[in-house]
Amino acid sequence: MMQNFSSPISRSVQSIAHSDKQDVCALNGSIVDLEDLIHELRQPLSTIETLAYHLEMTCADLTRGARLRQIREMIAQASVILDRARVPGAN
């Protein structure tokens, strides 16, 4: 069961999605292109999702399996947020 998060953070991400491609985000004191940031966030999320799936498929403990499914659902939600943050006109 995925939760609907309509937080100020997700609204901020949505407003960034409507920004021009040249907009940048500050991250740890450096300037990062939004398109690059989205790409860099997807890689570790994909790895975490793959590991959680593998653990879920090999886990006999129902409680742990449910927690792993919850992790995968949260990753799917983060992916949706990243999709919404895509810069118009970007690949």
PDB file of N, CA and C in Angstrom:
ATOM      1  N   MET A   1       0.838  -1.174   0.000  1.00  0.00           N
ATOM      2  CA  MET A   1       0.000   0.000   0.000  1.00  0.00           C
ATOM      3  C   MET A   1       0.884   1.238   0.000  1.00  0.00           C
ATOM      4  N   MET A   2       0.793   2.019  -1.054  1.00  0.00           N
ATOM      5  CA  MET A   2       1.612   3.224  -1.146  1.00  0.00           C
ATOM      6  C   MET A   2       0.863   4.391  -0.532  1.00  0.00           C
ATOM      7  N   GLN A   3       1.598   5.209   0.170  1.00  0.00           N
ATOM      8  CA  GLN A   3       1.011   6.385   0.788  1.00  0.00           C
ATOM      9  C   GLN A   3       1.119   7.552  -0.170  1.00  0.00           C
ATOM     10  N   ASN A   4       0.151   8.469  -0.063  1.00  0.00           N
ATOM     11  CA  ASN A   4       0.189   9.668  -0.885  1.00  0.00           C
ATOM     12  C   ASN A   4       0.826  10.772  -0.062  1.00  0.00           C
ATOM     13  N   PHE A   5       2.002  11.202  -0.458  1.00  0.00           N
ATOM     14  CA  PHE A   5       2.697  12.251   0.252  1.00  0.00           C
ATOM     15  C   PHE A   5       2.523  13.559  -0.495  1.00  0.00           C
ATOM     16  N   SER A   6       1.751  14.458   0.090  1.00  0.00           N
ATOM     17  CA  SER A   6       1.550  15.778  -0.502  1.00  0.00           C
ATOM     18  C   SER A   6       2.233  16.784   0.412  1.00  0.00           C
ATOM     19  N   SER A   7       3.491  16.558   0.648  1.00  0.00           N
ATOM     20  CA  SER A   7       4.261  17.387   1.567  1.00  0.00           C
ATOM     21  C   SER A   7       4.819  18.595   0.853  1.00  0.00           C
ATOM     22  N   PRO A   8       5.295  19.571   1.622  1.00  0.00           N
ATOM     23  CA  PRO A   8       5.956  20.715   0.995  1.00  0.00           C
ATOM     24  C   PRO A   8       7.150  20.297   0.140  1.00  0.00           C
ATOM     25  N   ILE A   9       7.827  19.220   0.518  1.00  0.00           N
ATOM     26  CA  ILE A   9       8.982  18.759  -0.252  1.00  0.00           C
ATOM     27  C   ILE A   9       8.532  18.267  -1.624  1.00  0.00           C
ATOM     28  N   SER A  10       7.490  17.422  -1.669  1.00  0.00           N
ATOM     29  CA  SER A  10       7.056  16.921  -2.970  1.00  0.00           C
ATOM     30  C   SER A  10       6.472  18.040  -3.818  1.00  0.00           C
ATOM     31  N   ARG A  11       5.814  19.031  -3.206  1.00  0.00           N
ATOM     32  CA  ARG A  11       5.323  20.180  -3.964  1.00  0.00           C
ATOM     33  C   ARG A  11       6.497  20.986  -4.504  1.00  0.00           C
ATOM     34  N   SER A  12       7.582  21.077  -3.734  1.00  0.00           N
ATOM     35  CA  SER A  12       8.772  21.782  -4.205  1.00  0.00           C
ATOM     36  C   SER A  12       9.387  21.067  -5.393  1.00  0.00           C
ATOM     37  N   VAL A  13       9.443  19.732  -5.319  1.00  0.00           N
ATOM     38  CA  VAL A  13       9.997  18.951  -6.423  1.00  0.00           C
ATOM     39  C   VAL A  13       9.142  19.158  -7.667  1.00  0.00           C
ATOM     40  N   GLN A  14       7.821  19.189  -7.498  1.00  0.00           N
ATOM     41  CA  GLN A  14       6.946  19.413  -8.638  1.00  0.00           C
ATOM     42  C   GLN A  14       7.171  20.788  -9.244  1.00  0.00           C
ATOM     43  N   SER A  15       7.399  21.790  -8.409  1.00  0.00           N
ATOM     44  CA  SER A  15       7.633  23.129  -8.951  1.00  0.00           C
ATOM     45  C   SER A  15       8.972  23.198  -9.678  1.00  0.00           C
ATOM     46  N   ILE A  16       9.944  22.409  -9.229  1.00  0.00           N
ATOM     47  CA  ILE A  16      11.233  22.355  -9.918  1.00  0.00           C
ATOM     48  C   ILE A  16      11.039  21.764 -11.310  1.00  0.00           C
ATOM     49  N   ALA A  17      10.119  20.813 -11.434  1.00  0.00           N
ATOM     50  CA  ALA A  17       9.889  20.164 -12.720  1.00  0.00           C
ATOM     51  C   ALA A  17       9.449  21.158 -13.785  1.00  0.00           C
ATOM     52  N   HIS A  18       8.848  22.242 -13.368  1.00  0.00           N
ATOM     53  CA  HIS A  18       8.386  23.239 -14.318  1.00  0.00           C
ATOM     54  C   HIS A  18       9.452  24.291 -14.602  1.00  0.00           C
ATOM     55  N   SER A  19      10.606  24.132 -14.037  1.00  0.00           N
ATOM     56  CA  SER A  19      11.691  25.089 -14.229  1.00  0.00           C
ATOM     57  C   SER A  19      12.365  24.881 -15.567  1.00  0.00           C
ATOM     58  N   ASP A  20      13.132  25.855 -15.974  1.00  0.00           N
ATOM     59  CA  ASP A  20      13.926  25.773 -17.196  1.00  0.00           C
ATOM     60  C   ASP A  20      15.069  24.795 -16.997  1.00  0.00           C
ATOM     61  N   LYS A  21      15.559  24.176 -18.084  1.00  0.00           N
ATOM     62  CA  LYS A  21      16.642  23.197 -18.004  1.00  0.00           C
ATOM     63  C   LYS A  21      17.906  23.779 -17.399  1.00  0.00           C
ATOM     64  N   GLN A  22      18.097  25.074 -17.520  1.00  0.00           N
ATOM     65  CA  GLN A  22      19.318  25.698 -17.019  1.00  0.00           C
ATOM     66  C   GLN A  22      19.298  25.904 -15.502  1.00  0.00           C
ATOM     67  N   ASP A  23      18.151  25.654 -14.862  1.00  0.00           N
ATOM     68  CA  ASP A  23      18.092  25.808 -13.410  1.00  0.00           C
ATOM     69  C   ASP A  23      19.051  24.826 -12.748  1.00  0.00           C
ATOM     70  N   VAL A  24      19.575  25.218 -11.624  1.00  0.00           N
ATOM     71  CA  VAL A  24      20.495  24.363 -10.879  1.00  0.00           C
ATOM     72  C   VAL A  24      20.044  24.238  -9.438  1.00  0.00           C
ATOM     73  N   CYS A  25      20.549  23.205  -8.791  1.00  0.00           N
ATOM     74  CA  CYS A  25      20.264  22.976  -7.381  1.00  0.00           C
ATOM     75  C   CYS A  25      21.584  23.017  -6.621  1.00  0.00           C
ATOM     76  N   ALA A  26      21.546  23.526  -5.413  1.00  0.00           N
ATOM     77  CA  ALA A  26      22.745  23.514  -4.583  1.00  0.00           C
ATOM     78  C   ALA A  26      22.748  22.213  -3.789  1.00  0.00           C
ATOM     79  N   LEU A  27      23.851  21.514  -3.817  1.00  0.00           N
ATOM     80  CA  LEU A  27      23.979  20.252  -3.104  1.00  0.00           C
ATOM     81  C   LEU A  27      25.365  20.192  -2.490  1.00  0.00           C
ATOM     82  N   ASN A  28      25.403  20.209  -1.162  1.00  0.00           N
ATOM     83  CA  ASN A  28      26.679  20.174  -0.443  1.00  0.00           C
ATOM     84  C   ASN A  28      27.654  21.242  -0.934  1.00  0.00           C
ATOM     85  N   GLY A  29      27.142  22.414  -1.193  1.00  0.00           N
ATOM     86  CA  GLY A  29      27.999  23.527  -1.572  1.00  0.00           C
ATOM     87  C   GLY A  29      28.414  23.560  -3.022  1.00  0.00           C
ATOM     88  N   SER A  30      28.001  22.564  -3.821  1.00  0.00           N
ATOM     89  CA  SER A  30      28.353  22.588  -5.238  1.00  0.00           C
ATOM     90  C   SER A  30      27.080  22.749  -6.069  1.00  0.00           C
ATOM     91  N   ILE A  31      27.247  23.215  -7.278  1.00  0.00           N
ATOM     92  CA  ILE A  31      26.119  23.415  -8.164  1.00  0.00           C
ATOM     93  C   ILE A  31      25.940  22.164  -9.022  1.00  0.00           C
ATOM     94  N   VAL A  32      24.703  21.650  -9.062  1.00  0.00           N
ATOM     95  CA  VAL A  32      24.402  20.426  -9.784  1.00  0.00           C
ATOM     96  C   VAL A  32      23.228  20.696 -10.728  1.00  0.00           C
ATOM     97  N   ASP A  33      23.357  20.294 -11.982  1.00  0.00           N
ATOM     98  CA  ASP A  33      22.265  20.383 -12.937  1.00  0.00           C
ATOM     99  C   ASP A  33      21.167  19.423 -12.491  1.00  0.00           C
ATOM    100  N   LEU A  34      19.914  19.860 -12.571  1.00  0.00           N
ATOM    101  CA  LEU A  34      18.790  19.036 -12.118  1.00  0.00           C
ATOM    102  C   LEU A  34      18.745  17.694 -12.839  1.00  0.00           C
ATOM    103  N   GLU A  35      19.001  17.690 -14.120  1.00  0.00           N
ATOM    104  CA  GLU A  35      19.001  16.454 -14.901  1.00  0.00           C
ATOM    105  C   GLU A  35      20.063  15.478 -14.365  1.00  0.00           C
ATOM    106  N   ASP A  36      21.247  15.987 -14.038  1.00  0.00           N
ATOM    107  CA  ASP A  36      22.311  15.146 -13.482  1.00  0.00           C
ATOM    108  C   ASP A  36      21.929  14.625 -12.093  1.00  0.00           C
ATOM    109  N   LEU A  37      21.312  15.467 -11.292  1.00  0.00           N
ATOM    110  CA  LEU A  37      20.893  15.068  -9.950  1.00  0.00           C
ATOM    111  C   LEU A  37      19.889  13.925 -10.017  1.00  0.00           C
ATOM    112  N   ILE A  38      18.910  14.039 -10.915  1.00  0.00           N
ATOM    113  CA  ILE A  38      17.912  12.982 -11.072  1.00  0.00           C
ATOM    114  C   ILE A  38      18.595  11.679 -11.470  1.00  0.00           C
ATOM    115  N   HIS A  39      19.506  11.748 -12.414  1.00  0.00           N
ATOM    116  CA  HIS A  39      20.238  10.555 -12.853  1.00  0.00           C
ATOM    117  C   HIS A  39      21.029   9.941 -11.701  1.00  0.00           C
ATOM    118  N   GLU A  40      21.722  10.777 -10.942  1.00  0.00           N
ATOM    119  CA  GLU A  40      22.551  10.286  -9.836  1.00  0.00           C
ATOM    120  C   GLU A  40      21.703   9.676  -8.716  1.00  0.00           C
ATOM    121  N   LEU A  41      20.493  10.136  -8.522  1.00  0.00           N
ATOM    122  CA  LEU A  41      19.615   9.563  -7.502  1.00  0.00           C
ATOM    123  C   LEU A  41      19.033   8.225  -7.948  1.00  0.00           C
ATOM    124  N   ARG A  42      18.789   8.075  -9.236  1.00  0.00           N
ATOM    125  CA  ARG A  42      18.193   6.833  -9.738  1.00  0.00           C
ATOM    126  C   ARG A  42      19.129   5.625  -9.576  1.00  0.00           C
ATOM    127  N   GLN A  43      20.424   5.812  -9.739  1.00  0.00           N
ATOM    128  CA  GLN A  43      21.358   4.683  -9.676  1.00  0.00           C
ATOM    129  C   GLN A  43      21.324   3.994  -8.306  1.00  0.00           C
ATOM    130  N   PRO A  44      21.499   4.713  -7.194  1.00  0.00           N
ATOM    131  CA  PRO A  44      21.448   4.000  -5.911  1.00  0.00           C
ATOM    132  C   PRO A  44      20.051   3.465  -5.590  1.00  0.00           C
ATOM    133  N   LEU A  45      19.002   4.156  -6.025  1.00  0.00           N
ATOM    134  CA  LEU A  45      17.651   3.647  -5.799  1.00  0.00           C
ATOM    135  C   LEU A  45      17.439   2.324  -6.529  1.00  0.00           C
ATOM    136  N   SER A  46      17.957   2.223  -7.734  1.00  0.00           N
ATOM    137  CA  SER A  46      17.842   0.992  -8.506  1.00  0.00           C
ATOM    138  C   SER A  46      18.580  -0.150  -7.815  1.00  0.00           C
ATOM    139  N   THR A  47      19.757   0.129  -7.309  1.00  0.00           N
ATOM    140  CA  THR A  47      20.535  -0.892  -6.601  1.00  0.00           C
ATOM    141  C   THR A  47      19.815  -1.347  -5.335  1.00  0.00           C
ATOM    142  N   ILE A  48      19.294  -0.402  -4.572  1.00  0.00           N
ATOM    143  CA  ILE A  48      18.559  -0.739  -3.345  1.00  0.00           C
ATOM    144  C   ILE A  48      17.327  -1.571  -3.676  1.00  0.00           C
ATOM    145  N   GLU A  49      16.617  -1.187  -4.736  1.00  0.00           N
ATOM    146  CA  GLU A  49      15.418  -1.933  -5.132  1.00  0.00           C
ATOM    147  C   GLU A  49      15.772  -3.372  -5.506  1.00  0.00           C
ATOM    148  N   THR A  50      16.851  -3.554  -6.258  1.00  0.00           N
ATOM    149  CA  THR A  50      17.274  -4.893  -6.669  1.00  0.00           C
ATOM    150  C   THR A  50      17.655  -5.742  -5.458  1.00  0.00           C
ATOM    151  N   LEU A  51      18.391  -5.159  -4.539  1.00  0.00           N
ATOM    152  CA  LEU A  51      18.780  -5.898  -3.326  1.00  0.00           C
ATOM    153  C   LEU A  51      17.564  -6.242  -2.475  1.00  0.00           C
ATOM    154  N   ALA A  52      16.632  -5.299  -2.315  1.00  0.00           N
ATOM    155  CA  ALA A  52      15.423  -5.555  -1.527  1.00  0.00           C
ATOM    156  C   ALA A  52      14.591  -6.661  -2.172  1.00  0.00           C
ATOM    157  N   TYR A  53      14.479  -6.646  -3.504  1.00  0.00           N
ATOM    158  CA  TYR A  53      13.732  -7.683  -4.211  1.00  0.00           C
ATOM    159  C   TYR A  53      14.370  -9.052  -3.979  1.00  0.00           C
ATOM    160  N   HIS A  54      15.683  -9.115  -4.128  1.00  0.00           N
ATOM    161  CA  HIS A  54      16.393 -10.389  -3.923  1.00  0.00           C
ATOM    162  C   HIS A  54      16.181 -10.895  -2.492  1.00  0.00           C
ATOM    163  N   LEU A  55      16.326 -10.012  -1.520  1.00  0.00           N
ATOM    164  CA  LEU A  55      16.127 -10.414  -0.128  1.00  0.00           C
ATOM    165  C   LEU A  55      14.690 -10.850   0.132  1.00  0.00           C
ATOM    166  N   GLU A  56      13.738 -10.145  -0.467  1.00  0.00           N
ATOM    167  CA  GLU A  56      12.327 -10.493  -0.296  1.00  0.00           C
ATOM    168  C   GLU A  56      12.044 -11.886  -0.854  1.00  0.00           C
ATOM    169  N   MET A  57      12.633 -12.208  -2.006  1.00  0.00           N
ATOM    170  CA  MET A  57      12.395 -13.503  -2.647  1.00  0.00           C
ATOM    171  C   MET A  57      13.057 -14.655  -1.893  1.00  0.00           C
ATOM    172  N   THR A  58      14.103 -14.366  -1.136  1.00  0.00           N
ATOM    173  CA  THR A  58      14.825 -15.426  -0.425  1.00  0.00           C
ATOM    174  C   THR A  58      14.520 -15.446   1.068  1.00  0.00           C
ATOM    175  N   CYS A  59      13.669 -14.556   1.520  1.00  0.00           N
ATOM    176  CA  CYS A  59      13.380 -14.430   2.947  1.00  0.00           C
ATOM    177  C   CYS A  59      12.166 -15.277   3.329  1.00  0.00           C
ATOM    178  N   ALA A  60      12.331 -16.126   4.327  1.00  0.00           N
ATOM    179  CA  ALA A  60      11.228 -16.944   4.801  1.00  0.00           C
ATOM    180  C   ALA A  60      10.422 -16.237   5.889  1.00  0.00           C
ATOM    181  N   ASP A  61      11.007 -15.229   6.517  1.00  0.00           N
ATOM    182  CA  ASP A  61      10.348 -14.491   7.600  1.00  0.00           C
ATOM    183  C   ASP A  61       9.318 -13.523   7.004  1.00  0.00           C
ATOM    184  N   LEU A  62       8.041 -13.736   7.321  1.00  0.00           N
ATOM    185  CA  LEU A  62       6.969 -12.910   6.752  1.00  0.00           C
ATOM    186  C   LEU A  62       7.073 -11.444   7.156  1.00  0.00           C
ATOM    187  N   THR A  63       7.500 -11.185   8.387  1.00  0.00           N
ATOM    188  CA  THR A  63       7.631  -9.796   8.842  1.00  0.00           C
ATOM    189  C   THR A  63       8.720  -9.084   8.049  1.00  0.00           C
ATOM    190  N   ARG A  64       9.845  -9.732   7.891  1.00  0.00           N
ATOM    191  CA  ARG A  64      10.926  -9.127   7.109  1.00  0.00           C
ATOM    192  C   ARG A  64      10.527  -8.964   5.644  1.00  0.00           C
ATOM    193  N   GLY A  65       9.824  -9.946   5.115  1.00  0.00           N
ATOM    194  CA  GLY A  65       9.349  -9.853   3.737  1.00  0.00           C
ATOM    195  C   GLY A  65       8.430  -8.658   3.546  1.00  0.00           C
ATOM    196  N   ALA A  66       7.565  -8.418   4.514  1.00  0.00           N
ATOM    197  CA  ALA A  66       6.658  -7.263   4.442  1.00  0.00           C
ATOM    198  C   ALA A  66       7.442  -5.962   4.494  1.00  0.00           C
ATOM    199  N   ARG A  67       8.469  -5.910   5.323  1.00  0.00           N
ATOM    200  CA  ARG A  67       9.309  -4.701   5.415  1.00  0.00           C
ATOM    201  C   ARG A  67      10.074  -4.466   4.115  1.00  0.00           C
ATOM    202  N   LEU A  68      10.542  -5.537   3.508  1.00  0.00           N
ATOM    203  CA  LEU A  68      11.250  -5.409   2.234  1.00  0.00           C
ATOM    204  C   LEU A  68      10.309  -4.925   1.129  1.00  0.00           C
ATOM    205  N   ARG A  69       9.058  -5.423   1.128  1.00  0.00           N
ATOM    206  CA  ARG A  69       8.067  -4.923   0.169  1.00  0.00           C
ATOM    207  C   ARG A  69       7.812  -3.437   0.401  1.00  0.00           C
ATOM    208  N   GLN A  70       7.770  -3.043   1.663  1.00  0.00           N
ATOM    209  CA  GLN A  70       7.567  -1.636   1.996  1.00  0.00           C
ATOM    210  C   GLN A  70       8.728  -0.784   1.468  1.00  0.00           C
ATOM    211  N   ILE A  71       9.941  -1.280   1.585  1.00  0.00           N
ATOM    212  CA  ILE A  71      11.108  -0.571   1.044  1.00  0.00           C
ATOM    213  C   ILE A  71      10.949  -0.406  -0.463  1.00  0.00           C
ATOM    214  N   ARG A  72      10.555  -1.474  -1.149  1.00  0.00           N
ATOM    215  CA  ARG A  72      10.388  -1.396  -2.602  1.00  0.00           C
ATOM    216  C   ARG A  72       9.272  -0.434  -2.990  1.00  0.00           C
ATOM    217  N   GLU A  73       8.209  -0.367  -2.205  1.00  0.00           N
ATOM    218  CA  GLU A  73       7.125   0.587  -2.477  1.00  0.00           C
ATOM    219  C   GLU A  73       7.606   2.029  -2.313  1.00  0.00           C
ATOM    220  N   MET A  74       8.422   2.261  -1.301  1.00  0.00           N
ATOM    221  CA  MET A  74       8.951   3.612  -1.086  1.00  0.00           C
ATOM    222  C   MET A  74       9.908   4.006  -2.216  1.00  0.00           C
ATOM    223  N   ILE A  75      10.670   3.050  -2.728  1.00  0.00           N
ATOM    224  CA  ILE A  75      11.550   3.322  -3.857  1.00  0.00           C
ATOM    225  C   ILE A  75      10.714   3.661  -5.090  1.00  0.00           C
ATOM    226  N   ALA A  76       9.616   2.935  -5.290  1.00  0.00           N
ATOM    227  CA  ALA A  76       8.727   3.238  -6.418  1.00  0.00           C
ATOM    228  C   ALA A  76       8.160   4.642  -6.283  1.00  0.00           C
ATOM    229  N   GLN A  77       7.814   5.030  -5.072  1.00  0.00           N
ATOM    230  CA  GLN A  77       7.300   6.374  -4.834  1.00  0.00           C
ATOM    231  C   GLN A  77       8.373   7.427  -5.136  1.00  0.00           C
ATOM    232  N   ALA A  78       9.593   7.169  -4.721  1.00  0.00           N
ATOM    233  CA  ALA A  78      10.690   8.100  -5.010  1.00  0.00           C
ATOM    234  C   ALA A  78      10.910   8.210  -6.520  1.00  0.00           C
ATOM    235  N   SER A  79      10.756   7.104  -7.225  1.00  0.00           N
ATOM    236  CA  SER A  79      10.913   7.112  -8.674  1.00  0.00           C
ATOM    237  C   SER A  79       9.840   7.984  -9.336  1.00  0.00           C
ATOM    238  N   VAL A  80       8.625   7.922  -8.827  1.00  0.00           N
ATOM    239  CA  VAL A  80       7.550   8.768  -9.350  1.00  0.00           C
ATOM    240  C   VAL A  80       7.887  10.241  -9.131  1.00  0.00           C
ATOM    241  N   ILE A  81       8.410  10.568  -7.971  1.00  0.00           N
ATOM    242  CA  ILE A  81       8.798  11.952  -7.684  1.00  0.00           C
ATOM    243  C   ILE A  81       9.883  12.399  -8.654  1.00  0.00           C
ATOM    244  N   LEU A  82      10.861  11.530  -8.913  1.00  0.00           N
ATOM    245  CA  LEU A  82      11.925  11.869  -9.863  1.00  0.00           C
ATOM    246  C   LEU A  82      11.370  12.031 -11.274  1.00  0.00           C
ATOM    247  N   ASP A  83      10.383  11.206 -11.639  1.00  0.00           N
ATOM    248  CA  ASP A  83       9.752  11.358 -12.951  1.00  0.00           C
ATOM    249  C   ASP A  83       9.083  12.723 -13.077  1.00  0.00           C
ATOM    250  N   ARG A  84       8.428  13.170 -12.030  1.00  0.00           N
ATOM    251  CA  ARG A  84       7.753  14.467 -12.032  1.00  0.00           C
ATOM    252  C   ARG A  84       8.747  15.624 -12.077  1.00  0.00           C
ATOM    253  N   ALA A  85       9.957  15.384 -11.599  1.00  0.00           N
ATOM    254  CA  ALA A  85      10.969  16.425 -11.542  1.00  0.00           C
ATOM    255  C   ALA A  85      11.747  16.541 -12.851  1.00  0.00           C
ATOM    256  N   ARG A  86      11.417  15.724 -13.814  1.00  0.00           N
ATOM    257  CA  ARG A  86      12.131  15.770 -15.099  1.00  0.00           C
ATOM    258  C   ARG A  86      12.020  17.148 -15.716  1.00  0.00           C
ATOM    259  N   VAL A  87      13.095  17.552 -16.312  1.00  0.00           N
ATOM    260  CA  VAL A  87      13.148  18.851 -16.964  1.00  0.00           C
ATOM    261  C   VAL A  87      12.483  18.743 -18.326  1.00  0.00           C
ATOM    262  N   PRO A  88      11.505  19.640 -18.621  1.00  0.00           N
ATOM    263  CA  PRO A  88      10.861  19.583 -19.938  1.00  0.00           C
ATOM    264  C   PRO A  88      11.893  19.689 -21.055  1.00  0.00           C
ATOM    265  N   GLY A  89      11.763  18.832 -22.051  1.00  0.00           N
ATOM    266  CA  GLY A  89      12.676  18.850 -23.176  1.00  0.00           C
ATOM    267  C   GLY A  89      13.921  18.000 -22.977  1.00  0.00           C
ATOM    268  N   ALA A  90      14.121  17.469 -21.767  1.00  0.00           N
ATOM    269  CA  ALA A  90      15.298  16.624 -21.504  1.00  0.00           C
ATOM    270  C   ALA A  90      14.988  15.201 -21.933  1.00  0.00           C
ATOM    271  N   ASN A  91      16.016  14.414 -22.172  1.00  0.00           N
ATOM    272  CA  ASN A  91      15.843  13.004 -22.582  1.00  0.00           C
ATOM    273  C   ASN A  91      15.376  12.177 -21.440  1.00  0.00           C
TER     274      ASN A  91
END
